[in-house]
Amino acid sequence: MRSKPLHAVLLAIAVVLDAGILFSVTSPWMRLVLGLFLLVVIMSMASALKLRWLLGDLARVTARPRHFLLLRKSVTALLDEVRRLNWLVVDLDRGFRNREVVQAEIESTEGRMAELLREIRQNAGKQEEGIDEDADTDPRPTPAVPVGEPPQETGRG
């Protein structure tokens, strides 16, 4: 079992050697072989020093906890609706979709936005325990164009 100072010295030497080899060696194959060999040494020394866990702990310590998750969820939903409204208007202006269908969707989106504004007023300043901060955003954006509806022909050429 080696000591931590020895691992730290070997890690520093391997990093300096790797940088020197990658800079000074002109043969690409030799650079690749020596670089990969030293990369294995660097990774083993870093894992022996448990640097991954140390850096992971530092990232968690600097993260600030969120307090108003209900408000964040409502504002995120409102922003999604604003994006949806924007693309509906863009589609309408470009003539990609049926005007009546888009107008109906715009009206329903505006109604949903009014509901979300009421929610934002209700949720402002409230702290809710037990809400997962990653659960408030849906990774899949809401499509502005319904699936299965073909674009409207505009006659422009």
N, C-alpha and C. Protein backbone atom coordinates (compact mmCIF):
# COMPACT_ATOMS: atom_id res chain seq x y z
N MET A 1 0.85 -1.18 0.00
CA MET A 1 0.00 0.00 0.00
C MET A 1 0.89 1.24 0.00
N ARG A 2 0.72 2.08 -1.00
CA ARG A 2 1.52 3.30 -1.12
C ARG A 2 0.84 4.44 -0.38
N SER A 3 1.64 5.45 -0.09
CA SER A 3 1.10 6.59 0.64
C SER A 3 0.51 7.62 -0.33
N LYS A 4 -0.30 8.52 0.23
CA LYS A 4 -0.91 9.57 -0.59
C LYS A 4 0.11 10.52 -1.19
N PRO A 5 1.15 10.91 -0.45
CA PRO A 5 2.14 11.79 -1.08
C PRO A 5 2.81 11.16 -2.30
N LEU A 6 3.08 9.85 -2.22
CA LEU A 6 3.68 9.15 -3.36
C LEU A 6 2.74 9.18 -4.56
N HIS A 7 1.44 8.92 -4.31
CA HIS A 7 0.45 8.98 -5.39
C HIS A 7 0.37 10.38 -5.98
N ALA A 8 0.43 11.39 -5.13
CA ALA A 8 0.36 12.77 -5.62
C ALA A 8 1.58 13.11 -6.47
N VAL A 9 2.77 12.67 -6.05
CA VAL A 9 3.99 12.93 -6.82
C VAL A 9 3.92 12.20 -8.16
N LEU A 10 3.50 10.93 -8.15
CA LEU A 10 3.39 10.17 -9.39
C LEU A 10 2.35 10.80 -10.32
N LEU A 11 1.27 11.29 -9.76
CA LEU A 11 0.25 11.94 -10.58
C LEU A 11 0.81 13.20 -11.23
N ALA A 12 1.51 14.01 -10.47
CA ALA A 12 2.10 15.24 -11.01
C ALA A 12 3.12 14.92 -12.09
N ILE A 13 3.96 13.93 -11.86
CA ILE A 13 4.97 13.54 -12.85
C ILE A 13 4.29 13.04 -14.13
N ALA A 14 3.26 12.21 -13.98
CA ALA A 14 2.57 11.67 -15.15
C ALA A 14 1.89 12.78 -15.95
N VAL A 15 1.32 13.76 -15.28
CA VAL A 15 0.66 14.87 -15.99
C VAL A 15 1.69 15.69 -16.75
N VAL A 16 2.82 15.99 -16.10
CA VAL A 16 3.87 16.78 -16.77
C VAL A 16 4.46 15.99 -17.94
N LEU A 17 4.72 14.71 -17.75
CA LEU A 17 5.24 13.89 -18.84
C LEU A 17 4.25 13.81 -20.00
N ASP A 18 2.98 13.62 -19.68
CA ASP A 18 1.95 13.54 -20.72
C ASP A 18 1.89 14.83 -21.53
N ALA A 19 1.92 15.96 -20.85
CA ALA A 19 1.90 17.25 -21.55
C ALA A 19 3.14 17.40 -22.41
N GLY A 20 4.30 17.02 -21.87
CA GLY A 20 5.53 17.12 -22.64
C GLY A 20 5.53 16.22 -23.86
N ILE A 21 5.06 15.00 -23.70
CA ILE A 21 5.02 14.05 -24.83
C ILE A 21 4.04 14.54 -25.90
N LEU A 22 2.87 14.98 -25.48
CA LEU A 22 1.89 15.43 -26.46
C LEU A 22 2.36 16.68 -27.20
N PHE A 23 3.22 17.47 -26.57
CA PHE A 23 3.74 18.69 -27.20
C PHE A 23 4.96 18.42 -28.06
N SER A 24 5.87 17.54 -27.60
CA SER A 24 7.16 17.41 -28.27
C SER A 24 7.26 16.26 -29.27
N VAL A 25 6.55 15.18 -29.08
CA VAL A 25 6.66 14.04 -29.98
C VAL A 25 5.92 14.35 -31.28
N THR A 26 6.59 14.12 -32.41
CA THR A 26 6.00 14.47 -33.70
C THR A 26 5.24 13.32 -34.35
N SER A 27 5.61 12.10 -34.04
CA SER A 27 4.93 10.95 -34.63
C SER A 27 3.55 10.78 -33.99
N PRO A 28 2.49 10.80 -34.79
CA PRO A 28 1.15 10.70 -34.21
C PRO A 28 0.91 9.37 -33.48
N TRP A 29 1.45 8.25 -34.03
CA TRP A 29 1.21 6.96 -33.38
C TRP A 29 1.96 6.86 -32.06
N MET A 30 3.16 7.40 -32.04
CA MET A 30 3.94 7.36 -30.80
C MET A 30 3.27 8.26 -29.74
N ARG A 31 2.78 9.43 -30.19
CA ARG A 31 2.09 10.34 -29.29
C ARG A 31 0.83 9.67 -28.72
N LEU A 32 0.11 8.95 -29.57
CA LEU A 32 -1.11 8.26 -29.14
C LEU A 32 -0.79 7.18 -28.10
N VAL A 33 0.20 6.35 -28.40
CA VAL A 33 0.53 5.24 -27.50
C VAL A 33 1.03 5.76 -26.16
N LEU A 34 1.98 6.69 -26.20
CA LEU A 34 2.54 7.21 -24.95
C LEU A 34 1.48 8.02 -24.18
N GLY A 35 0.69 8.79 -24.89
CA GLY A 35 -0.36 9.57 -24.24
C GLY A 35 -1.39 8.68 -23.56
N LEU A 36 -1.81 7.61 -24.23
CA LEU A 36 -2.79 6.69 -23.62
C LEU A 36 -2.20 5.96 -22.42
N PHE A 37 -0.92 5.56 -22.54
CA PHE A 37 -0.27 4.90 -21.41
C PHE A 37 -0.23 5.82 -20.19
N LEU A 38 0.17 7.06 -20.41
CA LEU A 38 0.23 8.00 -19.30
C LEU A 38 -1.16 8.38 -18.80
N LEU A 39 -2.14 8.34 -19.69
CA LEU A 39 -3.51 8.61 -19.25
C LEU A 39 -4.00 7.54 -18.28
N VAL A 40 -3.62 6.29 -18.55
CA VAL A 40 -3.98 5.20 -17.63
C VAL A 40 -3.31 5.42 -16.28
N VAL A 41 -2.04 5.84 -16.30
CA VAL A 41 -1.32 6.11 -15.05
C VAL A 41 -2.00 7.27 -14.31
N ILE A 42 -2.35 8.32 -15.05
CA ILE A 42 -3.00 9.48 -14.43
C ILE A 42 -4.32 9.07 -13.80
N MET A 43 -5.11 8.29 -14.51
CA MET A 43 -6.42 7.87 -13.97
C MET A 43 -6.25 6.98 -12.75
N SER A 44 -5.29 6.07 -12.77
CA SER A 44 -5.11 5.19 -11.61
C SER A 44 -4.63 5.97 -10.39
N MET A 45 -3.73 6.92 -10.61
CA MET A 45 -3.24 7.73 -9.48
C MET A 45 -4.36 8.64 -8.95
N ALA A 46 -5.14 9.19 -9.84
CA ALA A 46 -6.25 10.04 -9.40
C ALA A 46 -7.29 9.24 -8.64
N SER A 47 -7.56 8.01 -9.08
CA SER A 47 -8.54 7.19 -8.35
C SER A 47 -7.97 6.75 -7.00
N ALA A 48 -6.65 6.53 -6.94
CA ALA A 48 -6.04 6.17 -5.66
C ALA A 48 -6.12 7.33 -4.68
N LEU A 49 -6.05 8.55 -5.19
CA LEU A 49 -6.17 9.73 -4.34
C LEU A 49 -7.62 10.12 -4.09
N LYS A 50 -8.55 9.43 -4.73
CA LYS A 50 -9.99 9.68 -4.59
C LYS A 50 -10.34 11.12 -4.99
N LEU A 51 -9.72 11.59 -6.06
CA LEU A 51 -9.97 12.95 -6.53
C LEU A 51 -11.38 13.12 -7.09
N ARG A 52 -11.90 12.06 -7.68
CA ARG A 52 -13.25 12.15 -8.25
C ARG A 52 -14.27 12.46 -7.17
N TRP A 53 -14.17 11.79 -6.05
CA TRP A 53 -15.13 12.02 -4.96
C TRP A 53 -14.91 13.39 -4.33
N LEU A 54 -13.65 13.79 -4.24
CA LEU A 54 -13.36 15.11 -3.69
C LEU A 54 -13.96 16.21 -4.56
N LEU A 55 -13.76 16.12 -5.87
CA LEU A 55 -14.32 17.13 -6.78
C LEU A 55 -15.85 17.06 -6.80
N GLY A 56 -16.40 15.86 -6.70
CA GLY A 56 -17.86 15.72 -6.65
C GLY A 56 -18.44 16.35 -5.40
N ASP A 57 -17.77 16.21 -4.28
CA ASP A 57 -18.23 16.83 -3.04
C ASP A 57 -18.16 18.35 -3.12
N LEU A 58 -17.11 18.88 -3.76
CA LEU A 58 -17.00 20.33 -3.91
C LEU A 58 -18.15 20.88 -4.73
N ALA A 59 -18.55 20.18 -5.77
CA ALA A 59 -19.65 20.65 -6.60
C ALA A 59 -20.96 20.66 -5.82
N ARG A 60 -21.16 19.67 -4.97
CA ARG A 60 -22.39 19.62 -4.19
C ARG A 60 -22.42 20.68 -3.10
N VAL A 61 -21.27 21.01 -2.55
CA VAL A 61 -21.21 21.99 -1.49
C VAL A 61 -21.55 23.38 -2.03
N THR A 62 -21.09 23.70 -3.25
CA THR A 62 -21.31 25.02 -3.81
C THR A 62 -22.72 25.21 -4.33
N ALA A 63 -23.47 24.14 -4.55
CA ALA A 63 -24.83 24.27 -5.06
C ALA A 63 -25.74 24.84 -3.98
N ARG A 64 -26.53 25.82 -4.36
CA ARG A 64 -27.43 26.49 -3.42
C ARG A 64 -28.80 25.82 -3.49
N PRO A 65 -29.40 25.50 -2.36
CA PRO A 65 -30.72 24.86 -2.41
C PRO A 65 -31.79 25.85 -2.87
N ARG A 66 -32.75 25.35 -3.60
CA ARG A 66 -33.85 26.19 -4.08
C ARG A 66 -34.93 26.22 -3.00
N HIS A 67 -35.52 27.39 -2.80
CA HIS A 67 -36.52 27.55 -1.75
C HIS A 67 -37.94 27.57 -2.27
N PHE A 68 -38.19 28.19 -3.39
CA PHE A 68 -39.55 28.39 -3.88
C PHE A 68 -39.79 27.51 -5.11
N LEU A 69 -39.86 26.20 -4.89
CA LEU A 69 -39.98 25.26 -5.99
C LEU A 69 -41.33 25.34 -6.68
N LEU A 70 -42.40 25.61 -5.92
CA LEU A 70 -43.72 25.76 -6.54
C LEU A 70 -43.73 26.95 -7.50
N LEU A 71 -43.15 28.05 -7.08
CA LEU A 71 -43.08 29.23 -7.93
C LEU A 71 -42.24 28.93 -9.17
N ARG A 72 -41.14 28.26 -8.98
CA ARG A 72 -40.27 27.91 -10.11
C ARG A 72 -41.03 27.03 -11.11
N LYS A 73 -41.77 26.07 -10.61
CA LYS A 73 -42.53 25.19 -11.48
C LYS A 73 -43.56 25.97 -12.29
N SER A 74 -44.25 26.90 -11.64
CA SER A 74 -45.27 27.70 -12.33
C SER A 74 -44.64 28.61 -13.37
N VAL A 75 -43.52 29.24 -13.03
CA VAL A 75 -42.85 30.15 -13.97
C VAL A 75 -42.30 29.36 -15.16
N THR A 76 -41.75 28.18 -14.92
CA THR A 76 -41.25 27.34 -16.00
C THR A 76 -42.38 26.95 -16.94
N ALA A 77 -43.53 26.60 -16.38
CA ALA A 77 -44.69 26.26 -17.22
C ALA A 77 -45.14 27.47 -18.03
N LEU A 78 -45.13 28.66 -17.41
CA LEU A 78 -45.50 29.88 -18.13
C LEU A 78 -44.54 30.14 -19.29
N LEU A 79 -43.26 29.97 -19.06
CA LEU A 79 -42.28 30.16 -20.14
C LEU A 79 -42.49 29.16 -21.27
N ASP A 80 -42.85 27.93 -20.93
CA ASP A 80 -43.15 26.94 -21.97
C ASP A 80 -44.34 27.38 -22.81
N GLU A 81 -45.35 27.94 -22.15
CA GLU A 81 -46.53 28.41 -22.88
C GLU A 81 -46.20 29.62 -23.75
N VAL A 82 -45.32 30.50 -23.27
CA VAL A 82 -44.90 31.65 -24.08
C VAL A 82 -44.16 31.16 -25.33
N ARG A 83 -43.29 30.17 -25.16
CA ARG A 83 -42.58 29.60 -26.33
C ARG A 83 -43.58 28.99 -27.30
N ARG A 84 -44.54 28.27 -26.77
CA ARG A 84 -45.56 27.64 -27.62
C ARG A 84 -46.34 28.70 -28.38
N LEU A 85 -46.75 29.76 -27.69
CA LEU A 85 -47.49 30.84 -28.33
C LEU A 85 -46.65 31.48 -29.42
N ASN A 86 -45.37 31.68 -29.17
CA ASN A 86 -44.49 32.26 -30.17
C ASN A 86 -44.48 31.42 -31.44
N TRP A 87 -44.32 30.10 -31.29
CA TRP A 87 -44.24 29.25 -32.47
C TRP A 87 -45.59 29.14 -33.16
N LEU A 88 -46.66 29.22 -32.42
CA LEU A 88 -47.98 29.22 -33.07
C LEU A 88 -48.13 30.46 -33.95
N VAL A 89 -47.73 31.61 -33.44
CA VAL A 89 -47.82 32.84 -34.23
C VAL A 89 -46.88 32.78 -35.43
N VAL A 90 -45.69 32.25 -35.25
CA VAL A 90 -44.75 32.10 -36.37
C VAL A 90 -45.35 31.21 -37.44
N ASP A 91 -45.92 30.07 -37.03
CA ASP A 91 -46.57 29.17 -37.99
C ASP A 91 -47.72 29.86 -38.70
N LEU A 92 -48.49 30.65 -37.96
CA LEU A 92 -49.61 31.37 -38.54
C LEU A 92 -49.12 32.40 -39.56
N ASP A 93 -48.09 33.14 -39.21
CA ASP A 93 -47.55 34.16 -40.13
C ASP A 93 -46.96 33.54 -41.38
N ARG A 94 -46.34 32.41 -41.24
CA ARG A 94 -45.72 31.75 -42.40
C ARG A 94 -46.73 30.98 -43.23
N GLY A 95 -47.91 30.77 -42.67
CA GLY A 95 -48.94 30.05 -43.41
C GLY A 95 -48.75 28.55 -43.44
N PHE A 96 -48.05 28.01 -42.46
CA PHE A 96 -47.78 26.58 -42.44
C PHE A 96 -48.99 25.76 -41.99
N ARG A 97 -49.90 26.39 -41.26
CA ARG A 97 -51.01 25.64 -40.68
C ARG A 97 -52.32 26.34 -40.93
N ASN A 98 -53.37 25.62 -40.70
CA ASN A 98 -54.73 26.13 -40.88
C ASN A 98 -54.98 27.27 -39.89
N ARG A 99 -55.45 28.41 -40.39
CA ARG A 99 -55.63 29.62 -39.57
C ARG A 99 -56.63 29.38 -38.43
N GLU A 100 -57.74 28.70 -38.68
CA GLU A 100 -58.75 28.50 -37.63
C GLU A 100 -58.21 27.62 -36.50
N VAL A 101 -57.48 26.58 -36.88
CA VAL A 101 -56.92 25.67 -35.87
C VAL A 101 -55.89 26.41 -35.02
N VAL A 102 -55.03 27.20 -35.67
CA VAL A 102 -54.01 27.93 -34.94
C VAL A 102 -54.64 28.99 -34.04
N GLN A 103 -55.67 29.67 -34.51
CA GLN A 103 -56.34 30.68 -33.69
C GLN A 103 -56.94 30.03 -32.45
N ALA A 104 -57.55 28.87 -32.61
CA ALA A 104 -58.12 28.17 -31.46
C ALA A 104 -57.01 27.77 -30.47
N GLU A 105 -55.88 27.30 -31.00
CA GLU A 105 -54.77 26.93 -30.12
C GLU A 105 -54.19 28.16 -29.42
N ILE A 106 -54.12 29.28 -30.12
CA ILE A 106 -53.62 30.51 -29.52
C ILE A 106 -54.53 30.94 -28.38
N GLU A 107 -55.83 30.87 -28.59
CA GLU A 107 -56.77 31.25 -27.53
C GLU A 107 -56.66 30.32 -26.33
N SER A 108 -56.53 29.01 -26.58
CA SER A 108 -56.40 28.08 -25.44
C SER A 108 -55.06 28.30 -24.72
N THR A 109 -54.01 28.63 -25.46
CA THR A 109 -52.71 28.90 -24.85
C THR A 109 -52.78 30.16 -24.01
N GLU A 110 -53.46 31.19 -24.51
CA GLU A 110 -53.61 32.42 -23.73
C GLU A 110 -54.42 32.16 -22.46
N GLY A 111 -55.43 31.31 -22.55
CA GLY A 111 -56.20 30.95 -21.35
C GLY A 111 -55.34 30.21 -20.34
N ARG A 112 -54.52 29.29 -20.83
CA ARG A 112 -53.61 28.55 -19.95
C ARG A 112 -52.61 29.50 -19.30
N MET A 113 -52.14 30.51 -20.07
CA MET A 113 -51.20 31.48 -19.51
C MET A 113 -51.86 32.30 -18.40
N ALA A 114 -53.14 32.64 -18.57
CA ALA A 114 -53.85 33.38 -17.52
C ALA A 114 -53.96 32.52 -16.26
N GLU A 115 -54.25 31.22 -16.43
CA GLU A 115 -54.30 30.31 -15.29
C GLU A 115 -52.94 30.24 -14.59
N LEU A 116 -51.88 30.17 -15.39
CA LEU A 116 -50.54 30.09 -14.82
C LEU A 116 -50.18 31.37 -14.07
N LEU A 117 -50.61 32.51 -14.57
CA LEU A 117 -50.36 33.77 -13.85
C LEU A 117 -51.06 33.77 -12.50
N ARG A 118 -52.28 33.21 -12.45
CA ARG A 118 -52.97 33.10 -11.16
C ARG A 118 -52.20 32.16 -10.23
N GLU A 119 -51.70 31.05 -10.79
CA GLU A 119 -50.90 30.12 -9.98
C GLU A 119 -49.65 30.79 -9.44
N ILE A 120 -49.01 31.60 -10.29
CA ILE A 120 -47.80 32.28 -9.86
C ILE A 120 -48.11 33.22 -8.70
N ARG A 121 -49.23 33.93 -8.78
CA ARG A 121 -49.62 34.81 -7.68
C ARG A 121 -49.85 34.00 -6.41
N GLN A 122 -50.48 32.84 -6.54
CA GLN A 122 -50.76 32.01 -5.37
C GLN A 122 -49.48 31.40 -4.78
N ASN A 123 -48.54 31.02 -5.65
CA ASN A 123 -47.33 30.31 -5.21
C ASN A 123 -46.21 31.24 -4.78
N ALA A 124 -46.34 32.52 -5.03
CA ALA A 124 -45.27 33.45 -4.69
C ALA A 124 -45.03 33.45 -3.18
N GLY A 125 -43.79 33.23 -2.80
CA GLY A 125 -43.41 33.27 -1.39
C GLY A 125 -43.70 32.00 -0.62
N LYS A 126 -44.31 31.00 -1.24
CA LYS A 126 -44.61 29.75 -0.53
C LYS A 126 -43.47 28.77 -0.72
N GLN A 127 -43.09 28.15 0.38
CA GLN A 127 -42.08 27.09 0.32
C GLN A 127 -42.79 25.76 0.49
N GLU A 128 -42.56 24.88 -0.44
CA GLU A 128 -43.19 23.57 -0.39
C GLU A 128 -42.12 22.53 -0.19
N GLU A 129 -42.23 21.76 0.87
CA GLU A 129 -41.28 20.70 1.14
C GLU A 129 -41.70 19.45 0.38
N GLY A 130 -40.70 18.66 -0.01
CA GLY A 130 -40.99 17.37 -0.63
C GLY A 130 -41.13 17.42 -2.13
N ILE A 131 -40.91 18.56 -2.76
CA ILE A 131 -40.97 18.62 -4.21
C ILE A 131 -39.56 18.45 -4.74
N ASP A 132 -39.41 17.54 -5.69
CA ASP A 132 -38.11 17.31 -6.30
C ASP A 132 -37.82 18.44 -7.26
N GLU A 133 -36.65 19.09 -7.12
CA GLU A 133 -36.36 20.25 -7.95
C GLU A 133 -36.15 19.88 -9.41
N ASP A 134 -35.79 18.62 -9.71
CA ASP A 134 -35.62 18.22 -11.09
C ASP A 134 -36.94 17.80 -11.72
N ALA A 135 -37.97 17.57 -10.90
CA ALA A 135 -39.24 17.12 -11.43
C ALA A 135 -40.08 18.27 -11.97
N ASP A 136 -39.63 19.52 -11.75
CA ASP A 136 -40.46 20.64 -12.17
C ASP A 136 -40.29 21.01 -13.63
N THR A 137 -39.31 20.45 -14.30
CA THR A 137 -39.15 20.74 -15.72
C THR A 137 -39.25 19.46 -16.51
N ASP A 138 -40.02 19.50 -17.57
CA ASP A 138 -40.18 18.36 -18.45
C ASP A 138 -39.09 18.45 -19.51
N PRO A 139 -38.24 17.41 -19.67
CA PRO A 139 -37.16 17.50 -20.64
C PRO A 139 -37.67 17.54 -22.08
N ARG A 140 -38.91 17.12 -22.31
CA ARG A 140 -39.45 17.14 -23.65
C ARG A 140 -40.28 18.41 -23.86
N PRO A 141 -39.90 19.26 -24.81
CA PRO A 141 -40.69 20.47 -25.03
C PRO A 141 -42.04 20.15 -25.65
N THR A 142 -43.01 20.99 -25.38
CA THR A 142 -44.34 20.80 -25.94
C THR A 142 -44.30 21.18 -27.42
N PRO A 143 -44.72 20.28 -28.31
CA PRO A 143 -44.65 20.62 -29.73
C PRO A 143 -45.69 21.68 -30.08
N ALA A 144 -45.28 22.64 -30.91
CA ALA A 144 -46.20 23.69 -31.33
C ALA A 144 -47.10 23.20 -32.45
N VAL A 145 -46.64 22.20 -33.20
CA VAL A 145 -47.43 21.66 -34.29
C VAL A 145 -47.96 20.30 -33.85
N PRO A 146 -49.28 20.10 -33.85
CA PRO A 146 -49.80 18.80 -33.46
C PRO A 146 -49.28 17.71 -34.39
N VAL A 147 -48.98 16.59 -33.81
CA VAL A 147 -48.48 15.47 -34.59
C VAL A 147 -49.62 14.95 -35.46
N GLY A 148 -49.32 14.72 -36.70
CA GLY A 148 -50.31 14.15 -37.60
C GLY A 148 -51.06 15.18 -38.43
N GLU A 149 -50.92 16.47 -38.15
CA GLU A 149 -51.61 17.47 -38.94
C GLU A 149 -50.66 17.97 -40.02
N PRO A 150 -51.00 17.77 -41.28
CA PRO A 150 -50.11 18.21 -42.35
C PRO A 150 -50.11 19.73 -42.45
N PRO A 151 -48.99 20.31 -42.89
CA PRO A 151 -48.95 21.76 -43.06
C PRO A 151 -49.90 22.19 -44.18
N GLN A 152 -50.43 23.39 -44.02
CA GLN A 152 -51.39 23.91 -44.98
C GLN A 152 -50.65 24.42 -46.21
N GLU A 153 -51.19 24.14 -47.37
CA GLU A 153 -50.61 24.64 -48.63
C GLU A 153 -50.93 26.12 -48.74
N THR A 154 -49.91 26.92 -49.06
CA THR A 154 -50.13 28.36 -49.14
C THR A 154 -50.16 28.87 -50.58
N GLY A 155 -49.68 28.09 -51.49
CA GLY A 155 -49.69 28.53 -52.87
C GLY A 155 -48.52 29.41 -53.23
N ARG A 156 -47.65 29.65 -52.25
CA ARG A 156 -46.45 30.44 -52.54
C ARG A 156 -45.40 29.55 -53.18
N GLY A 157 -44.58 30.11 -53.99
CA GLY A 157 -43.64 29.25 -54.69
C GLY A 157 -42.31 29.73 -54.53
